[in-house]
Amino acid sequence: MIANRFVQLETTPAGIKARDQETAQTVLLVDVRHFDSRLVGVIHPALVSVFAIIEDDGRELAATEVVQGRSLKDLFGGDPCHPKRAAEIVSELADGVAELHARGVVHGNITQASAMLTTKGKARLTLTSAIGGEEILDVNALKLVLKTIGGQPTAEVEAAESAAVLAALLRA
C-alpha cells in the first residue's frame, strides 16, 4: 500500500501503476519535486490530468491519469512527420498550454519528451515535468517542437507570442 491509499499494480518505465482505493481509479504514480499544486485538477484534452499529490516514504508523488501512447521524442526522434500533421499536433498542445496560461500557470519544460501522442493519435502534454517560468518560453518551446517534428512555421507562426494565438494560426 502506497500512502495508505494506492495499491501497486505494476512498475512501468513511466512510474508505478496503482489502484486508488478512494476513487477505484487506476492511476500512474510519478515522482515529482516542487510540484505546482495549481496543476491538480486541471482537466483539458491536451493535458495529462493530475488527480492528487501525495507523500510516501519521503517521496512526493503525483497521481496522474494513465495515458497509453508514446512521447514525440520516441516517435519522431530523427524521422519528421508531414508538416500538416506536425501543425495539428502542436496546435493541440498549444490549446492545452493556453489553458494553463489562463490559470496563471507556466509549464516551462515543453519538449518532445514531455509531449506525447496517444494510441488514438491525440497530442497530450505531461504536467509532472512542469517547472514554471515565463509564458513566452512555453510558446517558443512549442515552436521548437513544431520545427523538430517536421513543421514549417510561417512568419505569422514565428511571430506568435501567446499559446492561444499559436494554436489558432496552426489550425488555419
N, C-alpha and C. Protein backbone atom coordinates (compact mmCIF):
# COMPACT_ATOMS: atom_id res chain seq x y z
N MET A 1 0.86 -1.18 0.00
CA MET A 1 0.00 0.00 0.00
C MET A 1 0.91 1.24 0.00
N ILE A 2 0.59 2.17 -0.89
CA ILE A 2 1.35 3.41 -1.00
C ILE A 2 0.51 4.53 -0.43
N ALA A 3 1.07 5.24 0.54
CA ALA A 3 0.40 6.37 1.21
C ALA A 3 -0.97 5.97 1.76
N ASN A 4 -1.11 4.74 2.19
CA ASN A 4 -2.37 4.23 2.74
C ASN A 4 -3.56 4.46 1.83
N ARG A 5 -3.31 4.54 0.53
CA ARG A 5 -4.40 4.84 -0.40
C ARG A 5 -4.29 4.06 -1.71
N PHE A 6 -3.07 3.80 -2.18
CA PHE A 6 -2.87 3.22 -3.51
C PHE A 6 -2.30 1.80 -3.40
N VAL A 7 -2.90 0.89 -4.15
CA VAL A 7 -2.41 -0.48 -4.22
C VAL A 7 -1.59 -0.60 -5.50
N GLN A 8 -0.32 -0.95 -5.35
CA GLN A 8 0.56 -1.06 -6.51
C GLN A 8 0.13 -2.23 -7.38
N LEU A 9 0.00 -1.95 -8.70
CA LEU A 9 -0.35 -2.98 -9.66
C LEU A 9 0.87 -3.46 -10.42
N GLU A 10 1.68 -2.50 -10.89
CA GLU A 10 2.91 -2.84 -11.61
C GLU A 10 3.81 -1.61 -11.68
N THR A 11 5.08 -1.88 -11.91
CA THR A 11 6.05 -0.81 -12.12
C THR A 11 6.30 -0.70 -13.61
N THR A 12 6.22 0.51 -14.14
CA THR A 12 6.46 0.76 -15.56
C THR A 12 7.62 1.74 -15.68
N PRO A 13 8.17 1.92 -16.88
CA PRO A 13 9.23 2.93 -17.04
C PRO A 13 8.77 4.35 -16.69
N ALA A 14 7.47 4.61 -16.81
CA ALA A 14 6.95 5.94 -16.54
C ALA A 14 6.64 6.17 -15.06
N GLY A 15 6.45 5.11 -14.29
CA GLY A 15 6.11 5.24 -12.89
C GLY A 15 5.44 3.98 -12.37
N ILE A 16 4.69 4.13 -11.31
CA ILE A 16 4.01 2.99 -10.68
C ILE A 16 2.52 3.05 -11.03
N LYS A 17 2.05 2.01 -11.69
CA LYS A 17 0.62 1.92 -11.96
C LYS A 17 -0.02 1.38 -10.68
N ALA A 18 -1.08 2.08 -10.23
CA ALA A 18 -1.69 1.71 -8.96
C ALA A 18 -3.19 1.93 -9.02
N ARG A 19 -3.89 1.27 -8.08
CA ARG A 19 -5.33 1.43 -7.95
C ARG A 19 -5.59 2.33 -6.75
N ASP A 20 -6.30 3.43 -7.00
CA ASP A 20 -6.66 4.39 -5.95
C ASP A 20 -7.85 3.80 -5.18
N GLN A 21 -7.66 3.51 -3.90
CA GLN A 21 -8.70 2.89 -3.09
C GLN A 21 -9.84 3.85 -2.79
N GLU A 22 -9.58 5.17 -2.88
CA GLU A 22 -10.65 6.14 -2.62
C GLU A 22 -11.58 6.33 -3.81
N THR A 23 -11.02 6.24 -5.03
CA THR A 23 -11.83 6.52 -6.22
C THR A 23 -12.04 5.29 -7.11
N ALA A 24 -11.37 4.19 -6.79
CA ALA A 24 -11.41 2.96 -7.60
C ALA A 24 -10.89 3.18 -9.01
N GLN A 25 -10.01 4.13 -9.15
CA GLN A 25 -9.46 4.52 -10.44
C GLN A 25 -8.01 4.01 -10.54
N THR A 26 -7.61 3.60 -11.73
CA THR A 26 -6.22 3.24 -11.96
C THR A 26 -5.46 4.50 -12.31
N VAL A 27 -4.34 4.73 -11.63
CA VAL A 27 -3.53 5.94 -11.82
C VAL A 27 -2.08 5.54 -12.04
N LEU A 28 -1.31 6.52 -12.47
CA LEU A 28 0.13 6.37 -12.57
C LEU A 28 0.75 7.27 -11.52
N LEU A 29 1.55 6.70 -10.64
CA LEU A 29 2.24 7.48 -9.63
C LEU A 29 3.62 7.83 -10.15
N VAL A 30 3.91 9.13 -10.21
CA VAL A 30 5.15 9.63 -10.80
C VAL A 30 5.88 10.48 -9.77
N ASP A 31 7.18 10.25 -9.62
CA ASP A 31 7.99 11.09 -8.73
C ASP A 31 8.01 12.52 -9.24
N VAL A 32 7.78 13.46 -8.34
CA VAL A 32 7.83 14.88 -8.69
C VAL A 32 8.57 15.63 -7.58
N ARG A 33 9.08 16.80 -7.94
CA ARG A 33 9.70 17.68 -6.96
C ARG A 33 9.15 19.08 -7.21
N HIS A 34 8.84 19.76 -6.16
CA HIS A 34 8.39 21.15 -6.25
C HIS A 34 7.22 21.29 -7.23
N PHE A 35 6.23 20.46 -7.09
CA PHE A 35 5.09 20.45 -8.00
C PHE A 35 4.18 21.63 -7.71
N ASP A 36 3.74 22.29 -8.76
CA ASP A 36 2.82 23.42 -8.63
C ASP A 36 1.42 22.87 -8.37
N SER A 37 0.91 23.05 -7.16
CA SER A 37 -0.37 22.47 -6.77
C SER A 37 -1.54 22.98 -7.62
N ARG A 38 -1.35 24.11 -8.33
CA ARG A 38 -2.43 24.60 -9.19
C ARG A 38 -2.69 23.67 -10.37
N LEU A 39 -1.78 22.74 -10.64
CA LEU A 39 -1.97 21.80 -11.74
C LEU A 39 -2.90 20.64 -11.37
N VAL A 40 -3.11 20.42 -10.08
CA VAL A 40 -4.00 19.35 -9.64
C VAL A 40 -5.43 19.72 -10.04
N GLY A 41 -6.08 18.81 -10.73
CA GLY A 41 -7.47 19.01 -11.10
C GLY A 41 -7.69 19.73 -12.42
N VAL A 42 -6.63 20.15 -13.10
CA VAL A 42 -6.79 20.79 -14.41
C VAL A 42 -7.21 19.71 -15.40
N ILE A 43 -8.34 19.90 -16.03
CA ILE A 43 -8.85 18.93 -17.00
C ILE A 43 -8.89 19.59 -18.37
N HIS A 44 -8.16 19.03 -19.29
CA HIS A 44 -8.14 19.51 -20.67
C HIS A 44 -7.72 18.34 -21.55
N PRO A 45 -8.31 18.19 -22.74
CA PRO A 45 -7.99 17.03 -23.58
C PRO A 45 -6.54 16.96 -24.04
N ALA A 46 -5.80 18.05 -23.96
CA ALA A 46 -4.40 18.03 -24.38
C ALA A 46 -3.42 17.97 -23.21
N LEU A 47 -3.96 17.79 -22.00
CA LEU A 47 -3.10 17.73 -20.81
C LEU A 47 -3.35 16.42 -20.06
N VAL A 48 -2.27 15.78 -19.61
CA VAL A 48 -2.41 14.59 -18.78
C VAL A 48 -2.82 15.07 -17.39
N SER A 49 -3.97 14.65 -16.94
CA SER A 49 -4.53 15.13 -15.68
C SER A 49 -3.75 14.63 -14.48
N VAL A 50 -3.61 15.52 -13.49
CA VAL A 50 -3.02 15.17 -12.20
C VAL A 50 -4.16 15.22 -11.19
N PHE A 51 -4.40 14.09 -10.52
CA PHE A 51 -5.52 13.99 -9.60
C PHE A 51 -5.16 14.37 -8.17
N ALA A 52 -3.93 14.07 -7.77
CA ALA A 52 -3.52 14.33 -6.39
C ALA A 52 -2.01 14.32 -6.29
N ILE A 53 -1.52 15.00 -5.26
CA ILE A 53 -0.10 14.93 -4.89
C ILE A 53 -0.05 14.29 -3.51
N ILE A 54 0.77 13.27 -3.38
CA ILE A 54 0.86 12.56 -2.10
C ILE A 54 2.32 12.46 -1.68
N GLU A 55 2.51 12.23 -0.41
CA GLU A 55 3.84 11.95 0.11
C GLU A 55 3.86 10.52 0.61
N ASP A 56 4.92 9.82 0.26
CA ASP A 56 5.07 8.44 0.71
C ASP A 56 6.53 8.14 0.93
N ASP A 57 6.87 7.81 2.14
CA ASP A 57 8.23 7.37 2.46
C ASP A 57 9.27 8.40 2.01
N GLY A 58 8.98 9.68 2.23
CA GLY A 58 9.91 10.75 1.88
C GLY A 58 9.89 11.16 0.42
N ARG A 59 9.02 10.56 -0.37
CA ARG A 59 8.91 10.92 -1.79
C ARG A 59 7.63 11.70 -2.02
N GLU A 60 7.69 12.62 -2.98
CA GLU A 60 6.49 13.33 -3.41
C GLU A 60 6.06 12.68 -4.73
N LEU A 61 4.82 12.23 -4.79
CA LEU A 61 4.31 11.54 -5.97
C LEU A 61 3.06 12.24 -6.49
N ALA A 62 2.95 12.30 -7.81
CA ALA A 62 1.75 12.81 -8.45
C ALA A 62 0.95 11.61 -8.92
N ALA A 63 -0.33 11.58 -8.60
CA ALA A 63 -1.23 10.56 -9.11
C ALA A 63 -1.86 11.13 -10.39
N THR A 64 -1.48 10.57 -11.53
CA THR A 64 -1.93 11.09 -12.82
C THR A 64 -2.79 10.05 -13.53
N GLU A 65 -3.49 10.54 -14.55
CA GLU A 65 -4.24 9.60 -15.38
C GLU A 65 -3.27 8.73 -16.15
N VAL A 66 -3.70 7.53 -16.43
CA VAL A 66 -2.89 6.60 -17.23
C VAL A 66 -3.24 6.86 -18.69
N VAL A 67 -2.24 7.22 -19.47
CA VAL A 67 -2.44 7.51 -20.89
C VAL A 67 -1.59 6.55 -21.70
N GLN A 68 -2.22 5.84 -22.61
CA GLN A 68 -1.49 4.94 -23.49
C GLN A 68 -0.97 5.74 -24.67
N GLY A 69 0.33 5.71 -24.89
CA GLY A 69 0.92 6.44 -26.00
C GLY A 69 2.42 6.47 -25.89
N ARG A 70 3.02 7.28 -26.74
CA ARG A 70 4.49 7.41 -26.78
C ARG A 70 4.86 8.87 -26.89
N SER A 71 6.02 9.20 -26.37
CA SER A 71 6.50 10.58 -26.44
C SER A 71 6.82 10.94 -27.89
N LEU A 72 6.74 12.23 -28.18
CA LEU A 72 7.11 12.70 -29.52
C LEU A 72 8.57 12.38 -29.79
N LYS A 73 9.39 12.41 -28.76
CA LYS A 73 10.81 12.08 -28.92
C LYS A 73 10.95 10.65 -29.43
N ASP A 74 10.20 9.72 -28.84
CA ASP A 74 10.26 8.33 -29.28
C ASP A 74 9.69 8.15 -30.68
N LEU A 75 8.66 8.91 -31.00
CA LEU A 75 8.00 8.77 -32.30
C LEU A 75 8.76 9.43 -33.44
N PHE A 76 9.28 10.64 -33.18
CA PHE A 76 9.86 11.43 -34.27
C PHE A 76 11.32 11.77 -34.06
N GLY A 77 12.00 11.09 -33.20
CA GLY A 77 13.40 11.41 -32.90
C GLY A 77 14.32 11.17 -34.08
N GLY A 78 14.15 11.88 -35.15
CA GLY A 78 15.01 11.74 -36.31
C GLY A 78 14.25 11.63 -37.62
N ASP A 79 13.03 11.14 -37.56
CA ASP A 79 12.21 11.00 -38.76
C ASP A 79 11.00 11.92 -38.63
N PRO A 80 11.06 13.10 -39.24
CA PRO A 80 9.95 14.04 -39.08
C PRO A 80 8.68 13.54 -39.76
N CYS A 81 7.56 14.05 -39.26
CA CYS A 81 6.27 13.71 -39.86
C CYS A 81 5.91 14.77 -40.91
N HIS A 82 4.78 14.59 -41.54
CA HIS A 82 4.30 15.55 -42.54
C HIS A 82 4.06 16.90 -41.85
N PRO A 83 4.41 18.01 -42.49
CA PRO A 83 4.23 19.34 -41.88
C PRO A 83 2.81 19.61 -41.40
N LYS A 84 1.81 19.14 -42.14
CA LYS A 84 0.41 19.36 -41.72
C LYS A 84 0.13 18.61 -40.42
N ARG A 85 0.63 17.39 -40.31
CA ARG A 85 0.43 16.61 -39.08
C ARG A 85 1.17 17.26 -37.92
N ALA A 86 2.37 17.75 -38.17
CA ALA A 86 3.13 18.45 -37.13
C ALA A 86 2.35 19.65 -36.61
N ALA A 87 1.73 20.40 -37.51
CA ALA A 87 0.93 21.57 -37.11
C ALA A 87 -0.28 21.13 -36.29
N GLU A 88 -0.92 20.03 -36.66
CA GLU A 88 -2.07 19.53 -35.90
C GLU A 88 -1.65 19.16 -34.47
N ILE A 89 -0.55 18.45 -34.36
CA ILE A 89 -0.06 18.02 -33.05
C ILE A 89 0.24 19.23 -32.16
N VAL A 90 0.99 20.16 -32.70
CA VAL A 90 1.40 21.31 -31.88
C VAL A 90 0.21 22.23 -31.59
N SER A 91 -0.76 22.31 -32.50
CA SER A 91 -1.94 23.14 -32.20
C SER A 91 -2.72 22.54 -31.02
N GLU A 92 -2.81 21.21 -30.94
CA GLU A 92 -3.46 20.58 -29.80
C GLU A 92 -2.71 20.88 -28.51
N LEU A 93 -1.38 20.75 -28.55
CA LEU A 93 -0.57 21.06 -27.37
C LEU A 93 -0.73 22.52 -26.97
N ALA A 94 -0.74 23.42 -27.96
CA ALA A 94 -0.87 24.85 -27.69
C ALA A 94 -2.21 25.16 -27.03
N ASP A 95 -3.27 24.45 -27.41
CA ASP A 95 -4.56 24.63 -26.74
C ASP A 95 -4.45 24.31 -25.25
N GLY A 96 -3.77 23.22 -24.94
CA GLY A 96 -3.58 22.85 -23.53
C GLY A 96 -2.74 23.87 -22.79
N VAL A 97 -1.69 24.35 -23.44
CA VAL A 97 -0.82 25.36 -22.82
C VAL A 97 -1.60 26.66 -22.61
N ALA A 98 -2.46 27.02 -23.55
CA ALA A 98 -3.29 28.22 -23.38
C ALA A 98 -4.18 28.08 -22.15
N GLU A 99 -4.70 26.89 -21.90
CA GLU A 99 -5.50 26.65 -20.69
C GLU A 99 -4.65 26.86 -19.43
N LEU A 100 -3.44 26.35 -19.45
CA LEU A 100 -2.54 26.56 -18.31
C LEU A 100 -2.30 28.05 -18.09
N HIS A 101 -1.99 28.76 -19.17
CA HIS A 101 -1.70 30.19 -19.07
C HIS A 101 -2.92 30.97 -18.56
N ALA A 102 -4.11 30.55 -18.97
CA ALA A 102 -5.33 31.21 -18.49
C ALA A 102 -5.50 31.04 -16.98
N ARG A 103 -4.90 29.98 -16.43
CA ARG A 103 -4.96 29.72 -14.99
C ARG A 103 -3.75 30.32 -14.26
N GLY A 104 -2.90 31.02 -15.01
CA GLY A 104 -1.72 31.62 -14.40
C GLY A 104 -0.57 30.67 -14.18
N VAL A 105 -0.58 29.54 -14.87
CA VAL A 105 0.46 28.53 -14.72
C VAL A 105 1.29 28.46 -15.99
N VAL A 106 2.60 28.42 -15.84
CA VAL A 106 3.52 28.25 -16.95
C VAL A 106 4.14 26.87 -16.83
N HIS A 107 4.16 26.12 -17.93
CA HIS A 107 4.73 24.77 -17.91
C HIS A 107 6.25 24.83 -17.76
N GLY A 108 6.91 25.54 -18.65
CA GLY A 108 8.35 25.74 -18.53
C GLY A 108 9.25 24.59 -18.95
N ASN A 109 8.67 23.47 -19.37
CA ASN A 109 9.50 22.33 -19.74
C ASN A 109 8.86 21.55 -20.89
N ILE A 110 8.45 22.27 -21.91
CA ILE A 110 7.82 21.63 -23.07
C ILE A 110 8.91 21.17 -24.02
N THR A 111 8.96 19.86 -24.21
CA THR A 111 9.94 19.25 -25.10
C THR A 111 9.27 18.07 -25.81
N GLN A 112 10.00 17.45 -26.70
CA GLN A 112 9.49 16.24 -27.33
C GLN A 112 9.31 15.12 -26.31
N ALA A 113 10.05 15.18 -25.21
CA ALA A 113 9.93 14.15 -24.17
C ALA A 113 8.72 14.37 -23.27
N SER A 114 8.29 15.62 -23.08
CA SER A 114 7.14 15.89 -22.21
C SER A 114 5.82 15.93 -22.97
N ALA A 115 5.89 15.79 -24.28
CA ALA A 115 4.69 15.75 -25.12
C ALA A 115 4.56 14.35 -25.70
N MET A 116 3.32 13.92 -25.89
CA MET A 116 3.12 12.57 -26.39
C MET A 116 1.93 12.52 -27.34
N LEU A 117 1.86 11.41 -28.05
CA LEU A 117 0.68 11.09 -28.85
C LEU A 117 0.06 9.85 -28.24
N THR A 118 -1.26 9.91 -28.04
CA THR A 118 -1.96 8.74 -27.52
C THR A 118 -2.06 7.70 -28.62
N THR A 119 -2.51 6.53 -28.23
CA THR A 119 -2.70 5.48 -29.23
C THR A 119 -3.78 5.84 -30.24
N LYS A 120 -4.62 6.84 -29.89
CA LYS A 120 -5.65 7.33 -30.81
C LYS A 120 -5.18 8.54 -31.60
N GLY A 121 -3.90 8.91 -31.47
CA GLY A 121 -3.34 9.98 -32.26
C GLY A 121 -3.54 11.39 -31.72
N LYS A 122 -3.97 11.52 -30.47
CA LYS A 122 -4.19 12.83 -29.86
C LYS A 122 -2.94 13.27 -29.10
N ALA A 123 -2.62 14.55 -29.22
CA ALA A 123 -1.45 15.10 -28.53
C ALA A 123 -1.80 15.39 -27.08
N ARG A 124 -0.88 15.06 -26.18
CA ARG A 124 -1.05 15.30 -24.74
C ARG A 124 0.27 15.80 -24.18
N LEU A 125 0.18 16.67 -23.22
CA LEU A 125 1.35 17.23 -22.56
C LEU A 125 1.33 16.78 -21.11
N THR A 126 2.46 16.21 -20.65
CA THR A 126 2.54 15.81 -19.26
C THR A 126 2.76 17.04 -18.39
N LEU A 127 2.23 17.00 -17.19
CA LEU A 127 2.34 18.14 -16.29
C LEU A 127 3.33 17.88 -15.15
N THR A 128 3.75 16.64 -14.98
CA THR A 128 4.63 16.33 -13.86
C THR A 128 6.04 16.85 -14.06
N SER A 129 6.36 17.31 -15.26
CA SER A 129 7.69 17.88 -15.50
C SER A 129 7.65 19.41 -15.52
N ALA A 130 6.49 19.99 -15.24
CA ALA A 130 6.34 21.45 -15.28
C ALA A 130 7.25 22.11 -14.24
N ILE A 131 7.91 23.20 -14.66
CA ILE A 131 8.84 23.87 -13.76
C ILE A 131 8.59 25.37 -13.63
N GLY A 132 7.65 25.90 -14.38
CA GLY A 132 7.35 27.33 -14.30
C GLY A 132 8.20 28.16 -15.24
N GLY A 133 8.18 29.46 -15.07
CA GLY A 133 8.92 30.38 -15.93
C GLY A 133 8.00 31.43 -16.51
N GLU A 134 8.31 31.86 -17.72
CA GLU A 134 7.52 32.89 -18.40
C GLU A 134 6.72 32.27 -19.54
N GLU A 135 5.54 32.80 -19.78
CA GLU A 135 4.66 32.26 -20.83
C GLU A 135 5.34 32.20 -22.19
N ILE A 136 6.11 33.21 -22.54
CA ILE A 136 6.75 33.24 -23.86
C ILE A 136 7.70 32.06 -24.04
N LEU A 137 8.27 31.56 -22.95
CA LEU A 137 9.15 30.40 -23.04
C LEU A 137 8.36 29.16 -23.48
N ASP A 138 7.13 29.03 -22.98
CA ASP A 138 6.27 27.92 -23.42
C ASP A 138 5.95 28.05 -24.91
N VAL A 139 5.62 29.26 -25.34
CA VAL A 139 5.28 29.49 -26.74
C VAL A 139 6.48 29.16 -27.63
N ASN A 140 7.65 29.63 -27.24
CA ASN A 140 8.85 29.35 -28.02
C ASN A 140 9.18 27.86 -28.02
N ALA A 141 8.94 27.19 -26.91
CA ALA A 141 9.18 25.75 -26.85
C ALA A 141 8.23 25.00 -27.79
N LEU A 142 6.98 25.44 -27.86
CA LEU A 142 6.03 24.83 -28.79
C LEU A 142 6.49 25.00 -30.24
N LYS A 143 7.00 26.19 -30.56
CA LYS A 143 7.51 26.44 -31.92
C LYS A 143 8.70 25.52 -32.22
N LEU A 144 9.54 25.30 -31.22
CA LEU A 144 10.69 24.42 -31.41
C LEU A 144 10.23 22.97 -31.63
N VAL A 145 9.25 22.54 -30.86
CA VAL A 145 8.71 21.19 -31.07
C VAL A 145 8.15 21.08 -32.48
N LEU A 146 7.44 22.10 -32.93
CA LEU A 146 6.89 22.11 -34.29
C LEU A 146 8.00 21.88 -35.31
N LYS A 147 9.07 22.64 -35.20
CA LYS A 147 10.18 22.53 -36.15
C LYS A 147 10.84 21.16 -36.09
N THR A 148 11.04 20.63 -34.89
CA THR A 148 11.79 19.38 -34.76
C THR A 148 11.01 18.16 -35.20
N ILE A 149 9.66 18.25 -35.20
CA ILE A 149 8.90 17.08 -35.67
C ILE A 149 8.47 17.22 -37.12
N GLY A 150 8.91 18.28 -37.78
CA GLY A 150 8.67 18.38 -39.21
C GLY A 150 7.82 19.53 -39.67
N GLY A 151 7.45 20.41 -38.76
CA GLY A 151 6.63 21.55 -39.14
C GLY A 151 7.43 22.62 -39.84
N GLN A 152 6.75 23.41 -40.63
CA GLN A 152 7.38 24.52 -41.34
C GLN A 152 6.64 25.80 -40.97
N PRO A 153 7.08 26.45 -39.87
CA PRO A 153 6.34 27.62 -39.40
C PRO A 153 6.39 28.79 -40.37
N THR A 154 5.25 29.44 -40.51
CA THR A 154 5.16 30.65 -41.32
C THR A 154 5.70 31.82 -40.49
N ALA A 155 5.84 32.97 -41.12
CA ALA A 155 6.28 34.17 -40.41
C ALA A 155 5.27 34.53 -39.32
N GLU A 156 3.97 34.34 -39.59
CA GLU A 156 2.94 34.62 -38.58
C GLU A 156 3.11 33.72 -37.36
N VAL A 157 3.36 32.43 -37.61
CA VAL A 157 3.56 31.48 -36.51
C VAL A 157 4.80 31.87 -35.72
N GLU A 158 5.87 32.20 -36.41
CA GLU A 158 7.11 32.61 -35.73
C GLU A 158 6.89 33.83 -34.85
N ALA A 159 5.98 34.72 -35.26
CA ALA A 159 5.73 35.96 -34.52
C ALA A 159 4.75 35.78 -33.36
N ALA A 160 4.07 34.65 -33.27
CA ALA A 160 3.07 34.44 -32.22
C ALA A 160 3.70 34.55 -30.84
N GLU A 161 3.01 35.25 -29.95
CA GLU A 161 3.53 35.45 -28.60
C GLU A 161 2.63 34.86 -27.52
N SER A 162 1.55 34.19 -27.92
CA SER A 162 0.70 33.52 -26.94
C SER A 162 0.35 32.13 -27.47
N ALA A 163 0.10 31.23 -26.55
CA ALA A 163 -0.25 29.86 -26.93
C ALA A 163 -1.58 29.82 -27.67
N ALA A 164 -2.54 30.65 -27.25
CA ALA A 164 -3.84 30.66 -27.91
C ALA A 164 -3.73 31.12 -29.36
N VAL A 165 -2.94 32.16 -29.59
CA VAL A 165 -2.73 32.65 -30.96
C VAL A 165 -1.99 31.61 -31.78
N LEU A 166 -0.98 30.99 -31.20
CA LEU A 166 -0.23 29.95 -31.91
C LEU A 166 -1.15 28.81 -32.33
N ALA A 167 -2.01 28.37 -31.42
CA ALA A 167 -2.94 27.29 -31.74
C ALA A 167 -3.85 27.67 -32.90
N ALA A 168 -4.38 28.90 -32.85
CA ALA A 168 -5.28 29.36 -33.92
C ALA A 168 -4.57 29.44 -35.26
N LEU A 169 -3.34 29.95 -35.25
CA LEU A 169 -2.59 30.07 -36.50
C LEU A 169 -2.26 28.71 -37.09
N LEU A 170 -1.95 27.75 -36.26
CA LEU A 170 -1.62 26.41 -36.75
C LEU A 170 -2.83 25.67 -37.28
N ARG A 171 -4.01 26.02 -36.80
CA ARG A 171 -5.24 25.40 -37.30
C ARG A 171 -5.72 26.04 -38.60
N ALA A 172 -5.26 27.25 -38.88
CA ALA A 172 -5.75 28.00 -40.07
C ALA A 172 -5.27 27.38 -41.36
